[in-house]
Amino acid sequence: MAKTEPAPDFASIFMDFGRDLKLPTPELEALVDRHRKNLAALDEAARKAGSGAGEILKRQRGMMQETLDEISTMAERLRQDSTPKSVMAAQSDFARKTFEATLRNTSEIAEMAQKSGLDTFKVLQDSMQQTLADLREIMTRPKS
């Protein structure tokens, strides 16, 4: 019975092809180190995103408390002076303040979310640029 050799895997074929063309071979340790740095950057980006989300939630809780305080103030004023005219004036004032606060709060939350997203993206962008620079250096480094 004839003995057959196993077919080479794709990575072996690719490495042999590169060797035949005399392409530079990357240093495995340098690639692994770069991969560790990429994972650290992903971890930092996740922490920044989580921190940004936490800040947004904290601010939204504050906004909700401000709204509840305003409702309590309005209810107290209505209890003290409950003529139809004062009730309508208080409701109108409350509606106006609520609308203004909603616009202001929405804008503030949007700015916070945008800043958090930009901070997170900056970490990933810097990591990607450093990865490209490191790979370029690894691939062109003379063999020792």
C-alpha atoms as a PDB file:
ATOM      1  CA  MET A   1       0.000   0.000   0.000  1.00  0.00           C
ATOM      2  CA  ALA A   2       1.382   3.415  -0.982  1.00  0.00           C
ATOM      3  CA  LYS A   3       1.989   5.925   1.733  1.00  0.00           C
ATOM      4  CA  THR A   4       0.533   9.395   1.008  1.00  0.00           C
ATOM      5  CA  GLU A   5       1.723  12.570   2.659  1.00  0.00           C
ATOM      6  CA  PRO A   6      -0.892  14.921   4.113  1.00  0.00           C
ATOM      7  CA  ALA A   7      -1.645  17.968   2.008  1.00  0.00           C
ATOM      8  CA  PRO A   8      -0.005  21.129   3.342  1.00  0.00           C
ATOM      9  CA  ASP A   9      -2.305  23.615   5.034  1.00  0.00           C
ATOM     10  CA  PHE A  10      -3.037  27.050   3.616  1.00  0.00           C
ATOM     11  CA  ALA A  11      -0.650  28.856   5.975  1.00  0.00           C
ATOM     12  CA  SER A  12       2.229  26.582   4.973  1.00  0.00           C
ATOM     13  CA  ILE A  13       1.514  27.123   1.276  1.00  0.00           C
ATOM     14  CA  PHE A  14       1.401  30.881   1.822  1.00  0.00           C
ATOM     15  CA  MET A  15       4.649  30.910   3.847  1.00  0.00           C
ATOM     16  CA  ASP A  16       6.407  28.761   1.211  1.00  0.00           C
ATOM     17  CA  PHE A  17       5.178  31.101  -1.528  1.00  0.00           C
ATOM     18  CA  GLY A  18       6.529  34.116   0.363  1.00  0.00           C
ATOM     19  CA  ARG A  19       9.854  32.396   0.982  1.00  0.00           C
ATOM     20  CA  ASP A  20      10.150  31.498  -2.724  1.00  0.00           C
ATOM     21  CA  LEU A  21       9.555  35.159  -3.624  1.00  0.00           C
ATOM     22  CA  LYS A  22      12.060  36.195  -0.952  1.00  0.00           C
ATOM     23  CA  LEU A  23       9.434  38.313   0.829  1.00  0.00           C
ATOM     24  CA  PRO A  24      10.354  39.486   4.320  1.00  0.00           C
ATOM     25  CA  THR A  25       9.034  37.251   7.066  1.00  0.00           C
ATOM     26  CA  PRO A  26       7.494  38.915  10.112  1.00  0.00           C
ATOM     27  CA  GLU A  27       8.887  38.356  13.556  1.00  0.00           C
ATOM     28  CA  LEU A  28       6.327  36.361  15.492  1.00  0.00           C
ATOM     29  CA  GLU A  29       7.161  37.902  18.880  1.00  0.00           C
ATOM     30  CA  ALA A  30       6.735  41.432  17.515  1.00  0.00           C
ATOM     31  CA  LEU A  31       3.367  40.503  15.996  1.00  0.00           C
ATOM     32  CA  VAL A  32       2.193  38.943  19.250  1.00  0.00           C
ATOM     33  CA  ASP A  33       3.316  42.057  21.156  1.00  0.00           C
ATOM     34  CA  ARG A  34       1.381  44.272  18.743  1.00  0.00           C
ATOM     35  CA  HIS A  35      -1.682  42.059  19.179  1.00  0.00           C
ATOM     36  CA  ARG A  36      -1.417  42.499  22.972  1.00  0.00           C
ATOM     37  CA  LYS A  37      -1.310  46.263  22.493  1.00  0.00           C
ATOM     38  CA  ASN A  38      -4.402  46.086  20.264  1.00  0.00           C
ATOM     39  CA  LEU A  39      -6.250  44.112  22.942  1.00  0.00           C
ATOM     40  CA  ALA A  40      -5.220  46.690  25.543  1.00  0.00           C
ATOM     41  CA  ALA A  41      -6.537  49.456  23.263  1.00  0.00           C
ATOM     42  CA  LEU A  42      -9.834  47.604  22.871  1.00  0.00           C
ATOM     43  CA  ASP A  43     -10.048  47.273  26.643  1.00  0.00           C
ATOM     44  CA  GLU A  44      -9.380  50.997  27.097  1.00  0.00           C
ATOM     45  CA  ALA A  45     -11.969  51.858  24.426  1.00  0.00           C
ATOM     46  CA  ALA A  46     -14.534  49.662  26.174  1.00  0.00           C
ATOM     47  CA  ARG A  47     -13.764  51.337  29.506  1.00  0.00           C
ATOM     48  CA  LYS A  48     -14.152  54.789  27.939  1.00  0.00           C
ATOM     49  CA  ALA A  49     -17.442  53.784  26.319  1.00  0.00           C
ATOM     50  CA  GLY A  50     -18.690  52.343  29.610  1.00  0.00           C
ATOM     51  CA  SER A  51     -17.582  55.413  31.521  1.00  0.00           C
ATOM     52  CA  GLY A  52     -19.317  57.675  29.001  1.00  0.00           C
ATOM     53  CA  ALA A  53     -22.514  55.658  29.278  1.00  0.00           C
ATOM     54  CA  GLY A  54     -22.283  55.846  33.079  1.00  0.00           C
ATOM     55  CA  GLU A  55     -21.876  59.624  32.955  1.00  0.00           C
ATOM     56  CA  ILE A  56     -24.886  59.911  30.660  1.00  0.00           C
ATOM     57  CA  LEU A  57     -27.017  57.770  32.978  1.00  0.00           C
ATOM     58  CA  LYS A  58     -25.890  59.783  35.998  1.00  0.00           C
ATOM     59  CA  ARG A  59     -26.812  63.037  34.264  1.00  0.00           C
ATOM     60  CA  GLN A  60     -30.180  61.639  33.159  1.00  0.00           C
ATOM     61  CA  ARG A  61     -30.926  60.700  36.785  1.00  0.00           C
ATOM     62  CA  GLY A  62     -30.059  64.276  37.764  1.00  0.00           C
ATOM     63  CA  MET A  63     -32.349  65.617  35.070  1.00  0.00           C
ATOM     64  CA  MET A  64     -35.159  63.385  36.290  1.00  0.00           C
ATOM     65  CA  GLN A  65     -34.641  64.608  39.865  1.00  0.00           C
ATOM     66  CA  GLU A  66     -34.762  68.226  38.670  1.00  0.00           C
ATOM     67  CA  THR A  67     -38.051  67.503  36.898  1.00  0.00           C
ATOM     68  CA  LEU A  68     -39.527  65.849  39.991  1.00  0.00           C
ATOM     69  CA  ASP A  69     -38.435  68.810  42.127  1.00  0.00           C
ATOM     70  CA  GLU A  70     -40.124  71.182  39.682  1.00  0.00           C
ATOM     71  CA  ILE A  71     -43.335  69.134  39.815  1.00  0.00           C
ATOM     72  CA  SER A  72     -43.238  69.204  43.630  1.00  0.00           C
ATOM     73  CA  THR A  73     -42.753  72.981  43.594  1.00  0.00           C
ATOM     74  CA  MET A  74     -45.681  73.410  41.212  1.00  0.00           C
ATOM     75  CA  ALA A  75     -47.901  71.141  43.320  1.00  0.00           C
ATOM     76  CA  GLU A  76     -47.008  73.114  46.455  1.00  0.00           C
ATOM     77  CA  ARG A  77     -47.874  76.417  44.751  1.00  0.00           C
ATOM     78  CA  LEU A  78     -51.197  74.976  43.592  1.00  0.00           C
ATOM     79  CA  ARG A  79     -51.997  73.807  47.099  1.00  0.00           C
ATOM     80  CA  GLN A  80     -51.402  77.320  48.459  1.00  0.00           C
ATOM     81  CA  ASP A  81     -53.343  79.181  45.773  1.00  0.00           C
ATOM     82  CA  SER A  82     -55.806  77.026  43.884  1.00  0.00           C
ATOM     83  CA  THR A  83     -57.892  79.557  42.010  1.00  0.00           C
ATOM     84  CA  PRO A  84     -58.632  78.523  38.415  1.00  0.00           C
ATOM     85  CA  LYS A  85     -56.553  81.410  37.106  1.00  0.00           C
ATOM     86  CA  SER A  86     -53.510  80.473  39.217  1.00  0.00           C
ATOM     87  CA  VAL A  87     -53.863  76.786  38.309  1.00  0.00           C
ATOM     88  CA  MET A  88     -53.871  77.600  34.589  1.00  0.00           C
ATOM     89  CA  ALA A  89     -50.924  79.989  35.016  1.00  0.00           C
ATOM     90  CA  ALA A  90     -48.959  77.349  36.938  1.00  0.00           C
ATOM     91  CA  GLN A  91     -49.728  74.663  34.347  1.00  0.00           C
ATOM     92  CA  SER A  92     -48.736  76.992  31.515  1.00  0.00           C
ATOM     93  CA  ASP A  93     -45.513  77.935  33.289  1.00  0.00           C
ATOM     94  CA  PHE A  94     -44.755  74.289  33.997  1.00  0.00           C
ATOM     95  CA  ALA A  95     -45.368  73.294  30.360  1.00  0.00           C
ATOM     96  CA  ARG A  96     -43.071  76.071  29.126  1.00  0.00           C
ATOM     97  CA  LYS A  97     -40.305  75.160  31.590  1.00  0.00           C
ATOM     98  CA  THR A  98     -40.655  71.468  30.746  1.00  0.00           C
ATOM     99  CA  PHE A  99     -40.341  72.155  27.016  1.00  0.00           C
ATOM    100  CA  GLU A 100     -37.273  74.361  27.532  1.00  0.00           C
ATOM    101  CA  ALA A 101     -35.661  71.822  29.856  1.00  0.00           C
ATOM    102  CA  THR A 102     -36.335  69.000  27.405  1.00  0.00           C
ATOM    103  CA  LEU A 103     -34.579  70.891  24.602  1.00  0.00           C
ATOM    104  CA  ARG A 104     -31.667  71.808  26.857  1.00  0.00           C
ATOM    105  CA  ASN A 105     -31.349  68.293  28.306  1.00  0.00           C
ATOM    106  CA  THR A 106     -31.566  66.584  24.921  1.00  0.00           C
ATOM    107  CA  SER A 107     -28.792  68.797  23.609  1.00  0.00           C
ATOM    108  CA  GLU A 108     -26.631  68.126  26.673  1.00  0.00           C
ATOM    109  CA  ILE A 109     -27.093  64.341  26.452  1.00  0.00           C
ATOM    110  CA  ALA A 110     -26.333  64.396  22.713  1.00  0.00           C
ATOM    111  CA  GLU A 111     -23.099  66.319  23.364  1.00  0.00           C
ATOM    112  CA  MET A 112     -22.105  63.873  26.102  1.00  0.00           C
ATOM    113  CA  ALA A 113     -22.775  60.892  23.828  1.00  0.00           C
ATOM    114  CA  GLN A 114     -20.831  62.487  20.981  1.00  0.00           C
ATOM    115  CA  LYS A 115     -17.839  63.204  23.239  1.00  0.00           C
ATOM    116  CA  SER A 116     -17.880  59.659  24.600  1.00  0.00           C
ATOM    117  CA  GLY A 117     -18.020  58.230  21.076  1.00  0.00           C
ATOM    118  CA  LEU A 118     -15.176  60.455  19.889  1.00  0.00           C
ATOM    119  CA  ASP A 119     -13.013  59.533  22.889  1.00  0.00           C
ATOM    120  CA  THR A 120     -13.619  55.841  22.246  1.00  0.00           C
ATOM    121  CA  PHE A 121     -12.970  56.174  18.507  1.00  0.00           C
ATOM    122  CA  LYS A 122      -9.736  58.117  19.166  1.00  0.00           C
ATOM    123  CA  VAL A 123      -8.329  55.228  21.224  1.00  0.00           C
ATOM    124  CA  LEU A 124      -9.101  52.756  18.428  1.00  0.00           C
ATOM    125  CA  GLN A 125      -7.843  55.102  15.711  1.00  0.00           C
ATOM    126  CA  ASP A 126      -4.537  55.667  17.530  1.00  0.00           C
ATOM    127  CA  SER A 127      -4.138  51.915  18.016  1.00  0.00           C
ATOM    128  CA  MET A 128      -4.821  51.238  14.337  1.00  0.00           C
ATOM    129  CA  GLN A 129      -2.268  53.850  13.239  1.00  0.00           C
ATOM    130  CA  GLN A 130       0.327  52.431  15.609  1.00  0.00           C
ATOM    131  CA  THR A 131      -0.419  48.900  14.379  1.00  0.00           C
ATOM    132  CA  LEU A 132       0.194  49.952  10.777  1.00  0.00           C
ATOM    133  CA  ALA A 133       3.430  51.699  11.732  1.00  0.00           C
ATOM    134  CA  ASP A 134       4.583  48.675  13.750  1.00  0.00           C
ATOM    135  CA  LEU A 135       3.723  46.241  10.956  1.00  0.00           C
ATOM    136  CA  ARG A 136       5.572  48.387   8.444  1.00  0.00           C
ATOM    137  CA  GLU A 137       8.613  48.413  10.745  1.00  0.00           C
ATOM    138  CA  ILE A 138       8.388  44.672  11.470  1.00  0.00           C
ATOM    139  CA  MET A 139       8.154  43.773   7.792  1.00  0.00           C
ATOM    140  CA  THR A 140      11.070  45.977   6.757  1.00  0.00           C
ATOM    141  CA  ARG A 141      13.365  45.268   9.712  1.00  0.00           C
ATOM    142  CA  PRO A 142      16.571  43.501   8.633  1.00  0.00           C
ATOM    143  CA  LYS A 143      16.947  39.978   9.981  1.00  0.00           C
ATOM    144  CA  SER A 144      19.549  39.643  12.705  1.00  0.00           C
END
